[in-house]
Amino acid sequence: MTLQKWIKDRAIHVYPTFSIEDVRNTGMYSSEQILQNELSRLCANKTITMPIPLFTRHI
């Protein structure tokens, strides 16, 4: 499953928002850099938007 499909499935099931921890807990990505790249790509494509642009920072 891709991140884009995972997001779409969540939206279909009335969960339109998610956190970076939710994505990490899926186990889809073997490294943090790959995850960050995928999130950046989805933002650039306007598939997702960030209410607060913090996902690239470690909190």
PDB file of N, CA and C in Angstrom:
ATOM      1  N   MET A   1       0.849  -1.176   0.000  1.00  0.00           N
ATOM      2  CA  MET A   1       0.000   0.000   0.000  1.00  0.00           C
ATOM      3  C   MET A   1       0.891   1.234   0.000  1.00  0.00           C
ATOM      4  N   THR A   2       0.501   2.205  -0.769  1.00  0.00           N
ATOM      5  CA  THR A   2       1.245   3.469  -0.811  1.00  0.00           C
ATOM      6  C   THR A   2       0.678   4.433   0.226  1.00  0.00           C
ATOM      7  N   LEU A   3       1.458   5.441   0.528  1.00  0.00           N
ATOM      8  CA  LEU A   3       0.986   6.456   1.467  1.00  0.00           C
ATOM      9  C   LEU A   3      -0.242   7.168   0.911  1.00  0.00           C
ATOM     10  N   GLN A   4      -0.236   7.451  -0.373  1.00  0.00           N
ATOM     11  CA  GLN A   4      -1.381   8.126  -0.992  1.00  0.00           C
ATOM     12  C   GLN A   4      -2.649   7.280  -0.850  1.00  0.00           C
ATOM     13  N   LYS A   5      -2.546   5.967  -1.051  1.00  0.00           N
ATOM     14  CA  LYS A   5      -3.705   5.076  -0.907  1.00  0.00           C
ATOM     15  C   LYS A   5      -4.145   5.025   0.556  1.00  0.00           C
ATOM     16  N   TRP A   6      -3.183   4.979   1.474  1.00  0.00           N
ATOM     17  CA  TRP A   6      -3.492   4.953   2.898  1.00  0.00           C
ATOM     18  C   TRP A   6      -4.272   6.206   3.302  1.00  0.00           C
ATOM     19  N   ILE A   7      -3.835   7.369   2.802  1.00  0.00           N
ATOM     20  CA  ILE A   7      -4.518   8.638   3.089  1.00  0.00           C
ATOM     21  C   ILE A   7      -5.933   8.611   2.512  1.00  0.00           C
ATOM     22  N   LYS A   8      -6.075   8.141   1.283  1.00  0.00           N
ATOM     23  CA  LYS A   8      -7.389   8.078   0.649  1.00  0.00           C
ATOM     24  C   LYS A   8      -8.317   7.141   1.423  1.00  0.00           C
ATOM     25  N   ASP A   9      -7.810   5.992   1.842  1.00  0.00           N
ATOM     26  CA  ASP A   9      -8.619   5.052   2.628  1.00  0.00           C
ATOM     27  C   ASP A   9      -9.071   5.671   3.946  1.00  0.00           C
ATOM     28  N   ARG A  10      -8.183   6.412   4.600  1.00  0.00           N
ATOM     29  CA  ARG A  10      -8.564   7.084   5.850  1.00  0.00           C
ATOM     30  C   ARG A  10      -9.680   8.096   5.597  1.00  0.00           C
ATOM     31  N   ALA A  11      -9.551   8.859   4.516  1.00  0.00           N
ATOM     32  CA  ALA A  11     -10.569   9.874   4.205  1.00  0.00           C
ATOM     33  C   ALA A  11     -11.916   9.219   3.915  1.00  0.00           C
ATOM     34  N   ILE A  12     -11.893   8.108   3.210  1.00  0.00           N
ATOM     35  CA  ILE A  12     -13.138   7.383   2.909  1.00  0.00           C
ATOM     36  C   ILE A  12     -13.814   6.919   4.195  1.00  0.00           C
ATOM     37  N   HIS A  13     -13.007   6.538   5.176  1.00  0.00           N
ATOM     38  CA  HIS A  13     -13.548   6.048   6.444  1.00  0.00           C
ATOM     39  C   HIS A  13     -13.659   7.147   7.496  1.00  0.00           C
ATOM     40  N   VAL A  14     -13.789   8.385   7.054  1.00  0.00           N
ATOM     41  CA  VAL A  14     -14.060   9.565   7.885  1.00  0.00           C
ATOM     42  C   VAL A  14     -12.908   9.894   8.842  1.00  0.00           C
ATOM     43  N   TYR A  15     -11.665   9.655   8.395  1.00  0.00           N
ATOM     44  CA  TYR A  15     -10.483  10.081   9.138  1.00  0.00           C
ATOM     45  C   TYR A  15      -9.623  10.923   8.203  1.00  0.00           C
ATOM     46  N   PRO A  16     -10.022  12.167   7.909  1.00  0.00           N
ATOM     47  CA  PRO A  16      -9.312  12.966   6.913  1.00  0.00           C
ATOM     48  C   PRO A  16      -7.980  13.548   7.392  1.00  0.00           C
ATOM     49  N   THR A  17      -7.713  13.479   8.686  1.00  0.00           N
ATOM     50  CA  THR A  17      -6.458  14.025   9.195  1.00  0.00           C
ATOM     51  C   THR A  17      -5.594  12.900   9.762  1.00  0.00           C
ATOM     52  N   PHE A  18      -4.306  13.171   9.851  1.00  0.00           N
ATOM     53  CA  PHE A  18      -3.379  12.199  10.426  1.00  0.00           C
ATOM     54  C   PHE A  18      -2.155  12.943  10.912  1.00  0.00           C
ATOM     55  N   SER A  19      -1.410  12.305  11.777  1.00  0.00           N
ATOM     56  CA  SER A  19      -0.175  12.888  12.284  1.00  0.00           C
ATOM     57  C   SER A  19       1.015  12.146  11.689  1.00  0.00           C
ATOM     58  N   ILE A  20       2.177  12.712  11.861  1.00  0.00           N
ATOM     59  CA  ILE A  20       3.397  12.053  11.402  1.00  0.00           C
ATOM     60  C   ILE A  20       3.570  10.726  12.141  1.00  0.00           C
ATOM     61  N   GLU A  21       3.154  10.679  13.388  1.00  0.00           N
ATOM     62  CA  GLU A  21       3.246   9.435  14.158  1.00  0.00           C
ATOM     63  C   GLU A  21       2.330   8.360  13.579  1.00  0.00           C
ATOM     64  N   ASP A  22       1.148   8.757  13.118  1.00  0.00           N
ATOM     65  CA  ASP A  22       0.250   7.798  12.472  1.00  0.00           C
ATOM     66  C   ASP A  22       0.925   7.165  11.264  1.00  0.00           C
ATOM     67  N   VAL A  23       1.602   7.988  10.476  1.00  0.00           N
ATOM     68  CA  VAL A  23       2.291   7.486   9.279  1.00  0.00           C
ATOM     69  C   VAL A  23       3.457   6.591   9.685  1.00  0.00           C
ATOM     70  N   ARG A  24       4.227   7.022  10.661  1.00  0.00           N
ATOM     71  CA  ARG A  24       5.351   6.188  11.127  1.00  0.00           C
ATOM     72  C   ARG A  24       4.871   4.835  11.619  1.00  0.00           C
ATOM     73  N   ASN A  25       3.746   4.817  12.319  1.00  0.00           N
ATOM     74  CA  ASN A  25       3.228   3.567  12.886  1.00  0.00           C
ATOM     75  C   ASN A  25       2.717   2.583  11.840  1.00  0.00           C
ATOM     76  N   THR A  26       2.537   3.030  10.612  1.00  0.00           N
ATOM     77  CA  THR A  26       2.115   2.101   9.559  1.00  0.00           C
ATOM     78  C   THR A  26       3.238   1.149   9.185  1.00  0.00           C
ATOM     79  N   GLY A  27       4.476   1.562   9.401  1.00  0.00           N
ATOM     80  CA  GLY A  27       5.620   0.729   9.053  1.00  0.00           C
ATOM     81  C   GLY A  27       5.888   0.641   7.558  1.00  0.00           C
ATOM     82  N   MET A  28       5.328   1.554   6.780  1.00  0.00           N
ATOM     83  CA  MET A  28       5.487   1.519   5.327  1.00  0.00           C
ATOM     84  C   MET A  28       6.889   1.919   4.880  1.00  0.00           C
ATOM     85  N   TYR A  29       7.612   2.675   5.695  1.00  0.00           N
ATOM     86  CA  TYR A  29       8.886   3.225   5.253  1.00  0.00           C
ATOM     87  C   TYR A  29      10.023   2.736   6.128  1.00  0.00           C
ATOM     88  N   SER A  30      11.096   2.327   5.478  1.00  0.00           N
ATOM     89  CA  SER A  30      12.246   1.775   6.186  1.00  0.00           C
ATOM     90  C   SER A  30      13.154   2.850   6.766  1.00  0.00           C
ATOM     91  N   SER A  31      13.029   4.080   6.270  1.00  0.00           N
ATOM     92  CA  SER A  31      13.852   5.158   6.827  1.00  0.00           C
ATOM     93  C   SER A  31      13.043   6.442   6.928  1.00  0.00           C
ATOM     94  N   GLU A  32      13.485   7.276   7.827  1.00  0.00           N
ATOM     95  CA  GLU A  32      12.827   8.569   8.041  1.00  0.00           C
ATOM     96  C   GLU A  32      12.959   9.452   6.799  1.00  0.00           C
ATOM     97  N   GLN A  33      14.103   9.371   6.110  1.00  0.00           N
ATOM     98  CA  GLN A  33      14.327  10.199   4.926  1.00  0.00           C
ATOM     99  C   GLN A  33      13.347   9.836   3.811  1.00  0.00           C
ATOM    100  N   ILE A  34      13.087   8.567   3.619  1.00  0.00           N
ATOM    101  CA  ILE A  34      12.128   8.135   2.587  1.00  0.00           C
ATOM    102  C   ILE A  34      10.737   8.658   2.933  1.00  0.00           C
ATOM    103  N   LEU A  35      10.373   8.569   4.202  1.00  0.00           N
ATOM    104  CA  LEU A  35       9.074   9.072   4.656  1.00  0.00           C
ATOM    105  C   LEU A  35       8.973  10.573   4.412  1.00  0.00           C
ATOM    106  N   GLN A  36       9.999  11.320   4.773  1.00  0.00           N
ATOM    107  CA  GLN A  36       9.986  12.763   4.571  1.00  0.00           C
ATOM    108  C   GLN A  36       9.885  13.118   3.086  1.00  0.00           C
ATOM    109  N   ASN A  37      10.599  12.383   2.250  1.00  0.00           N
ATOM    110  CA  ASN A  37      10.538  12.626   0.804  1.00  0.00           C
ATOM    111  C   ASN A  37       9.131  12.383   0.265  1.00  0.00           C
ATOM    112  N   GLU A  38       8.495  11.309   0.710  1.00  0.00           N
ATOM    113  CA  GLU A  38       7.146  11.002   0.242  1.00  0.00           C
ATOM    114  C   GLU A  38       6.152  12.066   0.705  1.00  0.00           C
ATOM    115  N   LEU A  39       6.256  12.512   1.939  1.00  0.00           N
ATOM    116  CA  LEU A  39       5.363  13.566   2.430  1.00  0.00           C
ATOM    117  C   LEU A  39       5.580  14.865   1.657  1.00  0.00           C
ATOM    118  N   SER A  40       6.829  15.193   1.377  1.00  0.00           N
ATOM    119  CA  SER A  40       7.129  16.402   0.601  1.00  0.00           C
ATOM    120  C   SER A  40       6.540  16.313  -0.801  1.00  0.00           C
ATOM    121  N   ARG A  41       6.658  15.142  -1.421  1.00  0.00           N
ATOM    122  CA  ARG A  41       6.111  14.941  -2.760  1.00  0.00           C
ATOM    123  C   ARG A  41       4.594  15.111  -2.751  1.00  0.00           C
ATOM    124  N   LEU A  42       3.932  14.523  -1.756  1.00  0.00           N
ATOM    125  CA  LEU A  42       2.473  14.636  -1.675  1.00  0.00           C
ATOM    126  C   LEU A  42       2.035  16.079  -1.400  1.00  0.00           C
ATOM    127  N   CYS A  43       2.832  16.829  -0.660  1.00  0.00           N
ATOM    128  CA  CYS A  43       2.537  18.258  -0.442  1.00  0.00           C
ATOM    129  C   CYS A  43       2.717  19.038  -1.739  1.00  0.00           C
ATOM    130  N   ALA A  44       3.787  18.755  -2.456  1.00  0.00           N
ATOM    131  CA  ALA A  44       4.053  19.461  -3.712  1.00  0.00           C
ATOM    132  C   ALA A  44       2.950  19.190  -4.735  1.00  0.00           C
ATOM    133  N   ASN A  45       2.407  17.976  -4.720  1.00  0.00           N
ATOM    134  CA  ASN A  45       1.317  17.610  -5.640  1.00  0.00           C
ATOM    135  C   ASN A  45      -0.043  18.085  -5.142  1.00  0.00           C
ATOM    136  N   LYS A  46      -0.051  18.706  -3.960  1.00  0.00           N
ATOM    137  CA  LYS A  46      -1.290  19.176  -3.325  1.00  0.00           C
ATOM    138  C   LYS A  46      -2.255  18.036  -3.003  1.00  0.00           C
ATOM    139  N   THR A  47      -1.692  16.843  -2.794  1.00  0.00           N
ATOM    140  CA  THR A  47      -2.480  15.703  -2.337  1.00  0.00           C
ATOM    141  C   THR A  47      -2.806  15.876  -0.862  1.00  0.00           C
ATOM    142  N   ILE A  48      -1.834  16.412  -0.127  1.00  0.00           N
ATOM    143  CA  ILE A  48      -2.037  16.717   1.289  1.00  0.00           C
ATOM    144  C   ILE A  48      -1.600  18.151   1.538  1.00  0.00           C
ATOM    145  N   THR A  49      -2.120  18.721   2.596  1.00  0.00           N
ATOM    146  CA  THR A  49      -1.693  20.045   3.030  1.00  0.00           C
ATOM    147  C   THR A  49      -1.358  19.959   4.506  1.00  0.00           C
ATOM    148  N   MET A  50      -0.475  20.813   4.941  1.00  0.00           N
ATOM    149  CA  MET A  50      -0.069  20.830   6.341  1.00  0.00           C
ATOM    150  C   MET A  50      -0.773  21.979   7.054  1.00  0.00           C
ATOM    151  N   PRO A  51      -1.565  21.682   8.071  1.00  0.00           N
ATOM    152  CA  PRO A  51      -2.163  22.775   8.829  1.00  0.00           C
ATOM    153  C   PRO A  51      -1.086  23.571   9.567  1.00  0.00           C
ATOM    154  N   ILE A  52      -0.059  22.874  10.045  1.00  0.00           N
ATOM    155  CA  ILE A  52       1.096  23.505  10.686  1.00  0.00           C
ATOM    156  C   ILE A  52       2.326  22.855  10.065  1.00  0.00           C
ATOM    157  N   PRO A  53       3.182  23.616   9.409  1.00  0.00           N
ATOM    158  CA  PRO A  53       4.298  23.021   8.682  1.00  0.00           C
ATOM    159  C   PRO A  53       5.444  22.565   9.596  1.00  0.00           C
ATOM    160  N   LEU A  54       5.218  21.513  10.347  1.00  0.00           N
ATOM    161  CA  LEU A  54       6.240  21.021  11.278  1.00  0.00           C
ATOM    162  C   LEU A  54       6.704  19.604  10.958  1.00  0.00           C
ATOM    163  N   PHE A  55       6.145  18.947   9.965  1.00  0.00           N
ATOM    164  CA  PHE A  55       6.491  17.538   9.778  1.00  0.00           C
ATOM    165  C   PHE A  55       7.938  17.325   9.403  1.00  0.00           C
ATOM    166  N   THR A  56       8.635  18.338   8.920  1.00  0.00           N
ATOM    167  CA  THR A  56      10.033  18.173   8.567  1.00  0.00           C
ATOM    168  C   THR A  56      10.957  18.382   9.759  1.00  0.00           C
ATOM    169  N   ARG A  57      10.418  18.827  10.863  1.00  0.00           N
ATOM    170  CA  ARG A  57      11.213  19.043  12.071  1.00  0.00           C
ATOM    171  C   ARG A  57      10.959  17.905  13.052  1.00  0.00           C
ATOM    172  N   HIS A  58      11.965  17.596  13.816  1.00  0.00           N
ATOM    173  CA  HIS A  58      11.789  16.593  14.875  1.00  0.00           C
ATOM    174  C   HIS A  58      11.292  17.292  16.120  1.00  0.00           C
ATOM    175  N   ILE A  59      10.145  16.876  16.574  1.00  0.00           N
ATOM    176  CA  ILE A  59       9.519  17.521  17.733  1.00  0.00           C
ATOM    177  C   ILE A  59       9.901  16.770  18.981  1.00  0.00           C
TER     178      ILE A  59
END
